[in-house]
Amino acid sequence: MAASSRPQPLGPKALAAALAEHGLDAAGWHLDHGELVKRFAWPNFYATMAFVNAVAAYAHQADHHPTLVVAYGHCEVRWSTHEPLGITELDLAGARATQALGLAA
């Protein structure tokens, strides 16, 4: 996808409204250093890695990839767009998909 056809970053008001509209704020997603972030906890490393692999499959299909910080029993997921820099609809879609995967696990 060419940079000009990529979604543009959301401004603060539009981002807050989108987080509320999709229930992401209530689900624990928050902004941290310009990224949309949530930490998911799991009972063991195997369950954590199953979640990570599910997120990776989504990201590959969407051609938009989060930063994943993985450790025993938890994974922090950080969505942001690098070109253009900011939170875009791609990141909101990624957070919604990640949230659904977290609930399904």
N, C-alpha and C. Protein backbone atom coordinates (compact mmCIF):
# COMPACT_ATOMS: atom_id res chain seq x y z
N MET A 1 0.86 -1.17 0.00
CA MET A 1 0.00 0.00 0.00
C MET A 1 0.90 1.23 0.00
N ALA A 2 0.69 2.15 -0.87
CA ALA A 2 1.48 3.37 -0.94
C ALA A 2 1.21 4.25 0.26
N ALA A 3 2.25 5.01 0.65
CA ALA A 3 2.12 5.85 1.84
C ALA A 3 0.95 6.81 1.71
N SER A 4 0.68 7.33 0.50
CA SER A 4 -0.40 8.30 0.33
C SER A 4 -1.78 7.67 0.51
N SER A 5 -1.89 6.35 0.33
CA SER A 5 -3.19 5.70 0.48
C SER A 5 -3.41 5.15 1.88
N ARG A 6 -2.43 5.29 2.74
CA ARG A 6 -2.56 4.81 4.11
C ARG A 6 -3.44 5.78 4.91
N PRO A 7 -4.15 5.27 5.91
CA PRO A 7 -4.96 6.15 6.75
C PRO A 7 -4.09 7.20 7.45
N GLN A 8 -4.66 8.35 7.67
CA GLN A 8 -3.95 9.42 8.35
C GLN A 8 -4.11 9.28 9.88
N PRO A 9 -3.13 9.78 10.64
CA PRO A 9 -3.23 9.71 12.11
C PRO A 9 -4.47 10.43 12.62
N LEU A 10 -5.04 9.87 13.66
CA LEU A 10 -6.21 10.48 14.30
C LEU A 10 -5.76 11.55 15.28
N GLY A 11 -6.49 12.64 15.33
CA GLY A 11 -6.22 13.67 16.32
C GLY A 11 -6.69 13.21 17.69
N PRO A 12 -6.32 13.93 18.74
CA PRO A 12 -6.67 13.51 20.11
C PRO A 12 -8.17 13.28 20.34
N LYS A 13 -9.03 14.19 19.84
CA LYS A 13 -10.47 14.04 20.06
C LYS A 13 -11.03 12.85 19.28
N ALA A 14 -10.61 12.69 18.03
CA ALA A 14 -11.08 11.57 17.21
C ALA A 14 -10.60 10.25 17.79
N LEU A 15 -9.38 10.22 18.29
CA LEU A 15 -8.85 9.00 18.89
C LEU A 15 -9.61 8.63 20.15
N ALA A 16 -9.85 9.60 21.02
CA ALA A 16 -10.61 9.34 22.25
C ALA A 16 -12.01 8.83 21.93
N ALA A 17 -12.64 9.43 20.94
CA ALA A 17 -13.99 9.01 20.54
C ALA A 17 -13.96 7.59 19.98
N ALA A 18 -12.96 7.27 19.16
CA ALA A 18 -12.87 5.93 18.57
C ALA A 18 -12.61 4.88 19.64
N LEU A 19 -11.75 5.19 20.60
CA LEU A 19 -11.48 4.23 21.69
C LEU A 19 -12.75 3.95 22.48
N ALA A 20 -13.51 4.99 22.76
CA ALA A 20 -14.76 4.81 23.50
C ALA A 20 -15.80 4.07 22.66
N GLU A 21 -15.91 4.44 21.38
CA GLU A 21 -16.91 3.83 20.50
C GLU A 21 -16.71 2.32 20.38
N HIS A 22 -15.47 1.89 20.33
CA HIS A 22 -15.17 0.46 20.18
C HIS A 22 -14.93 -0.26 21.51
N GLY A 23 -15.10 0.46 22.62
CA GLY A 23 -14.93 -0.14 23.93
C GLY A 23 -13.49 -0.47 24.29
N LEU A 24 -12.55 0.08 23.55
CA LEU A 24 -11.15 -0.23 23.82
C LEU A 24 -10.64 0.42 25.10
N ASP A 25 -11.13 1.63 25.39
CA ASP A 25 -10.72 2.28 26.63
C ASP A 25 -11.21 1.49 27.84
N ALA A 26 -12.45 1.04 27.80
CA ALA A 26 -13.01 0.24 28.90
C ALA A 26 -12.32 -1.11 29.02
N ALA A 27 -11.77 -1.62 27.92
CA ALA A 27 -11.08 -2.92 27.93
C ALA A 27 -9.63 -2.80 28.40
N GLY A 28 -9.19 -1.58 28.70
CA GLY A 28 -7.84 -1.41 29.24
C GLY A 28 -6.79 -0.92 28.27
N TRP A 29 -7.18 -0.62 27.04
CA TRP A 29 -6.22 -0.05 26.08
C TRP A 29 -5.97 1.40 26.47
N HIS A 30 -4.71 1.83 26.36
CA HIS A 30 -4.37 3.21 26.69
C HIS A 30 -3.22 3.68 25.79
N LEU A 31 -3.00 4.98 25.79
CA LEU A 31 -1.90 5.55 25.02
C LEU A 31 -0.66 5.63 25.89
N ASP A 32 0.46 5.25 25.29
CA ASP A 32 1.75 5.34 25.97
C ASP A 32 2.81 5.68 24.92
N HIS A 33 3.39 6.85 25.04
CA HIS A 33 4.43 7.29 24.10
C HIS A 33 3.99 7.16 22.64
N GLY A 34 2.76 7.59 22.36
CA GLY A 34 2.26 7.59 21.00
C GLY A 34 1.85 6.24 20.45
N GLU A 35 1.69 5.26 21.33
CA GLU A 35 1.27 3.92 20.91
C GLU A 35 0.02 3.51 21.68
N LEU A 36 -0.79 2.67 21.06
CA LEU A 36 -1.98 2.11 21.69
C LEU A 36 -1.56 0.80 22.33
N VAL A 37 -1.69 0.69 23.67
CA VAL A 37 -1.03 -0.37 24.43
C VAL A 37 -2.00 -1.11 25.35
N LYS A 38 -1.78 -2.42 25.45
CA LYS A 38 -2.46 -3.22 26.47
C LYS A 38 -1.57 -4.41 26.83
N ARG A 39 -1.61 -4.78 28.10
CA ARG A 39 -0.88 -5.95 28.59
C ARG A 39 -1.88 -7.06 28.84
N PHE A 40 -1.64 -8.21 28.22
CA PHE A 40 -2.48 -9.40 28.39
C PHE A 40 -1.74 -10.39 29.27
N ALA A 41 -2.44 -10.96 30.26
CA ALA A 41 -1.83 -11.94 31.17
C ALA A 41 -2.37 -13.33 30.89
N TRP A 42 -1.50 -14.32 31.02
CA TRP A 42 -1.84 -15.72 30.76
C TRP A 42 -1.27 -16.59 31.87
N PRO A 43 -1.82 -17.79 32.07
CA PRO A 43 -1.38 -18.62 33.19
C PRO A 43 0.01 -19.24 33.01
N ASN A 44 0.51 -19.29 31.76
CA ASN A 44 1.81 -19.92 31.54
C ASN A 44 2.40 -19.45 30.21
N PHE A 45 3.60 -19.89 29.93
CA PHE A 45 4.29 -19.47 28.72
C PHE A 45 3.62 -20.01 27.46
N TYR A 46 3.14 -21.24 27.52
CA TYR A 46 2.48 -21.86 26.36
C TYR A 46 1.26 -21.04 25.93
N ALA A 47 0.43 -20.67 26.88
CA ALA A 47 -0.76 -19.87 26.58
C ALA A 47 -0.36 -18.49 26.04
N THR A 48 0.68 -17.91 26.61
CA THR A 48 1.17 -16.62 26.13
C THR A 48 1.59 -16.73 24.67
N MET A 49 2.36 -17.77 24.35
CA MET A 49 2.85 -17.93 22.98
C MET A 49 1.72 -18.26 22.00
N ALA A 50 0.70 -18.96 22.44
CA ALA A 50 -0.45 -19.21 21.57
C ALA A 50 -1.11 -17.89 21.19
N PHE A 51 -1.26 -17.00 22.16
CA PHE A 51 -1.81 -15.67 21.91
C PHE A 51 -0.90 -14.89 20.96
N VAL A 52 0.39 -14.90 21.22
CA VAL A 52 1.34 -14.18 20.38
C VAL A 52 1.25 -14.68 18.94
N ASN A 53 1.18 -15.98 18.75
CA ASN A 53 1.09 -16.53 17.40
C ASN A 53 -0.22 -16.14 16.72
N ALA A 54 -1.30 -16.06 17.47
CA ALA A 54 -2.58 -15.62 16.90
C ALA A 54 -2.50 -14.16 16.47
N VAL A 55 -1.87 -13.32 17.29
CA VAL A 55 -1.69 -11.91 16.93
C VAL A 55 -0.79 -11.81 15.69
N ALA A 56 0.26 -12.61 15.64
CA ALA A 56 1.15 -12.60 14.48
C ALA A 56 0.42 -12.99 13.21
N ALA A 57 -0.46 -13.97 13.28
CA ALA A 57 -1.23 -14.39 12.10
C ALA A 57 -2.13 -13.25 11.62
N TYR A 58 -2.80 -12.57 12.56
CA TYR A 58 -3.63 -11.42 12.19
C TYR A 58 -2.76 -10.34 11.54
N ALA A 59 -1.64 -10.01 12.17
CA ALA A 59 -0.78 -8.93 11.68
C ALA A 59 -0.25 -9.24 10.28
N HIS A 60 0.10 -10.48 10.05
CA HIS A 60 0.59 -10.87 8.73
C HIS A 60 -0.50 -10.68 7.68
N GLN A 61 -1.71 -11.12 7.99
CA GLN A 61 -2.83 -10.98 7.07
C GLN A 61 -3.16 -9.51 6.82
N ALA A 62 -3.08 -8.70 7.86
CA ALA A 62 -3.42 -7.27 7.76
C ALA A 62 -2.27 -6.44 7.18
N ASP A 63 -1.07 -7.03 7.13
CA ASP A 63 0.14 -6.32 6.71
C ASP A 63 0.36 -5.06 7.56
N HIS A 64 0.11 -5.22 8.85
CA HIS A 64 0.33 -4.15 9.82
C HIS A 64 0.70 -4.84 11.13
N HIS A 65 1.85 -4.49 11.68
CA HIS A 65 2.45 -5.31 12.74
C HIS A 65 2.68 -4.51 14.02
N PRO A 66 2.23 -5.05 15.16
CA PRO A 66 2.47 -4.38 16.43
C PRO A 66 3.85 -4.71 16.97
N THR A 67 4.24 -3.98 17.98
CA THR A 67 5.39 -4.37 18.80
C THR A 67 4.84 -5.29 19.88
N LEU A 68 5.47 -6.45 20.05
CA LEU A 68 5.07 -7.41 21.08
C LEU A 68 6.21 -7.57 22.06
N VAL A 69 5.90 -7.37 23.34
CA VAL A 69 6.88 -7.58 24.40
C VAL A 69 6.40 -8.82 25.16
N VAL A 70 7.15 -9.92 25.01
CA VAL A 70 6.70 -11.22 25.49
C VAL A 70 7.56 -11.69 26.66
N ALA A 71 6.90 -12.20 27.68
CA ALA A 71 7.59 -12.81 28.82
C ALA A 71 6.70 -13.92 29.37
N TYR A 72 7.20 -14.67 30.30
CA TYR A 72 6.43 -15.75 30.90
C TYR A 72 5.13 -15.17 31.47
N GLY A 73 4.00 -15.65 30.97
CA GLY A 73 2.71 -15.29 31.55
C GLY A 73 2.12 -13.97 31.10
N HIS A 74 2.79 -13.25 30.23
CA HIS A 74 2.17 -12.01 29.75
C HIS A 74 2.78 -11.54 28.44
N CYS A 75 2.01 -10.72 27.75
CA CYS A 75 2.45 -10.10 26.50
C CYS A 75 1.89 -8.69 26.46
N GLU A 76 2.76 -7.73 26.24
CA GLU A 76 2.32 -6.35 26.03
C GLU A 76 2.25 -6.13 24.52
N VAL A 77 1.12 -5.61 24.06
CA VAL A 77 0.90 -5.35 22.64
C VAL A 77 0.85 -3.84 22.45
N ARG A 78 1.64 -3.35 21.48
CA ARG A 78 1.75 -1.92 21.22
C ARG A 78 1.50 -1.66 19.74
N TRP A 79 0.37 -1.02 19.43
CA TRP A 79 0.03 -0.69 18.05
C TRP A 79 0.32 0.77 17.77
N SER A 80 0.99 1.05 16.65
CA SER A 80 1.17 2.40 16.14
C SER A 80 1.53 2.29 14.66
N THR A 81 1.38 3.40 13.97
CA THR A 81 1.74 3.45 12.56
C THR A 81 2.99 4.30 12.44
N HIS A 82 3.93 3.82 11.64
CA HIS A 82 5.21 4.52 11.50
C HIS A 82 5.24 5.46 10.31
N GLU A 83 4.41 5.19 9.31
CA GLU A 83 4.36 6.04 8.12
C GLU A 83 2.93 6.13 7.65
N PRO A 84 2.20 7.18 7.94
CA PRO A 84 2.60 8.35 8.71
C PRO A 84 2.59 8.04 10.22
N LEU A 85 3.37 8.75 10.96
CA LEU A 85 3.55 8.51 12.39
C LEU A 85 2.29 8.88 13.17
N GLY A 86 1.82 7.95 14.00
CA GLY A 86 0.67 8.20 14.86
C GLY A 86 -0.23 6.99 14.97
N ILE A 87 -1.38 7.18 15.56
CA ILE A 87 -2.40 6.13 15.68
C ILE A 87 -3.39 6.34 14.55
N THR A 88 -3.59 5.31 13.74
CA THR A 88 -4.50 5.38 12.60
C THR A 88 -5.59 4.32 12.75
N GLU A 89 -6.48 4.28 11.79
CA GLU A 89 -7.53 3.25 11.77
C GLU A 89 -6.91 1.85 11.72
N LEU A 90 -5.74 1.71 11.10
CA LEU A 90 -5.05 0.41 11.09
C LEU A 90 -4.76 -0.07 12.51
N ASP A 91 -4.35 0.85 13.37
CA ASP A 91 -4.03 0.50 14.76
C ASP A 91 -5.28 0.17 15.55
N LEU A 92 -6.35 0.92 15.31
CA LEU A 92 -7.61 0.62 15.98
C LEU A 92 -8.12 -0.76 15.57
N ALA A 93 -8.02 -1.07 14.28
CA ALA A 93 -8.43 -2.40 13.81
C ALA A 93 -7.56 -3.48 14.45
N GLY A 94 -6.27 -3.21 14.56
CA GLY A 94 -5.36 -4.16 15.20
C GLY A 94 -5.69 -4.36 16.67
N ALA A 95 -5.99 -3.28 17.36
CA ALA A 95 -6.35 -3.39 18.78
C ALA A 95 -7.66 -4.15 18.95
N ARG A 96 -8.64 -3.89 18.09
CA ARG A 96 -9.91 -4.62 18.17
C ARG A 96 -9.68 -6.11 17.93
N ALA A 97 -8.89 -6.44 16.92
CA ALA A 97 -8.60 -7.85 16.62
C ALA A 97 -7.83 -8.50 17.76
N THR A 98 -6.86 -7.79 18.31
CA THR A 98 -6.07 -8.32 19.42
C THR A 98 -6.95 -8.54 20.64
N GLN A 99 -7.85 -7.62 20.91
CA GLN A 99 -8.78 -7.75 22.03
C GLN A 99 -9.64 -9.00 21.85
N ALA A 100 -10.15 -9.20 20.65
CA ALA A 100 -10.98 -10.38 20.37
C ALA A 100 -10.18 -11.66 20.55
N LEU A 101 -8.94 -11.65 20.08
CA LEU A 101 -8.08 -12.84 20.25
C LEU A 101 -7.81 -13.10 21.74
N GLY A 102 -7.64 -12.04 22.49
CA GLY A 102 -7.39 -12.19 23.93
C GLY A 102 -8.59 -12.76 24.66
N LEU A 103 -9.79 -12.40 24.23
CA LEU A 103 -11.00 -12.91 24.86
C LEU A 103 -11.26 -14.35 24.45
N ALA A 104 -10.83 -14.72 23.25
CA ALA A 104 -11.09 -16.06 22.73
C ALA A 104 -10.13 -17.10 23.29
N ALA A 105 -8.99 -16.64 23.77
CA ALA A 105 -7.97 -17.59 24.24
C ALA A 105 -8.35 -18.25 25.55
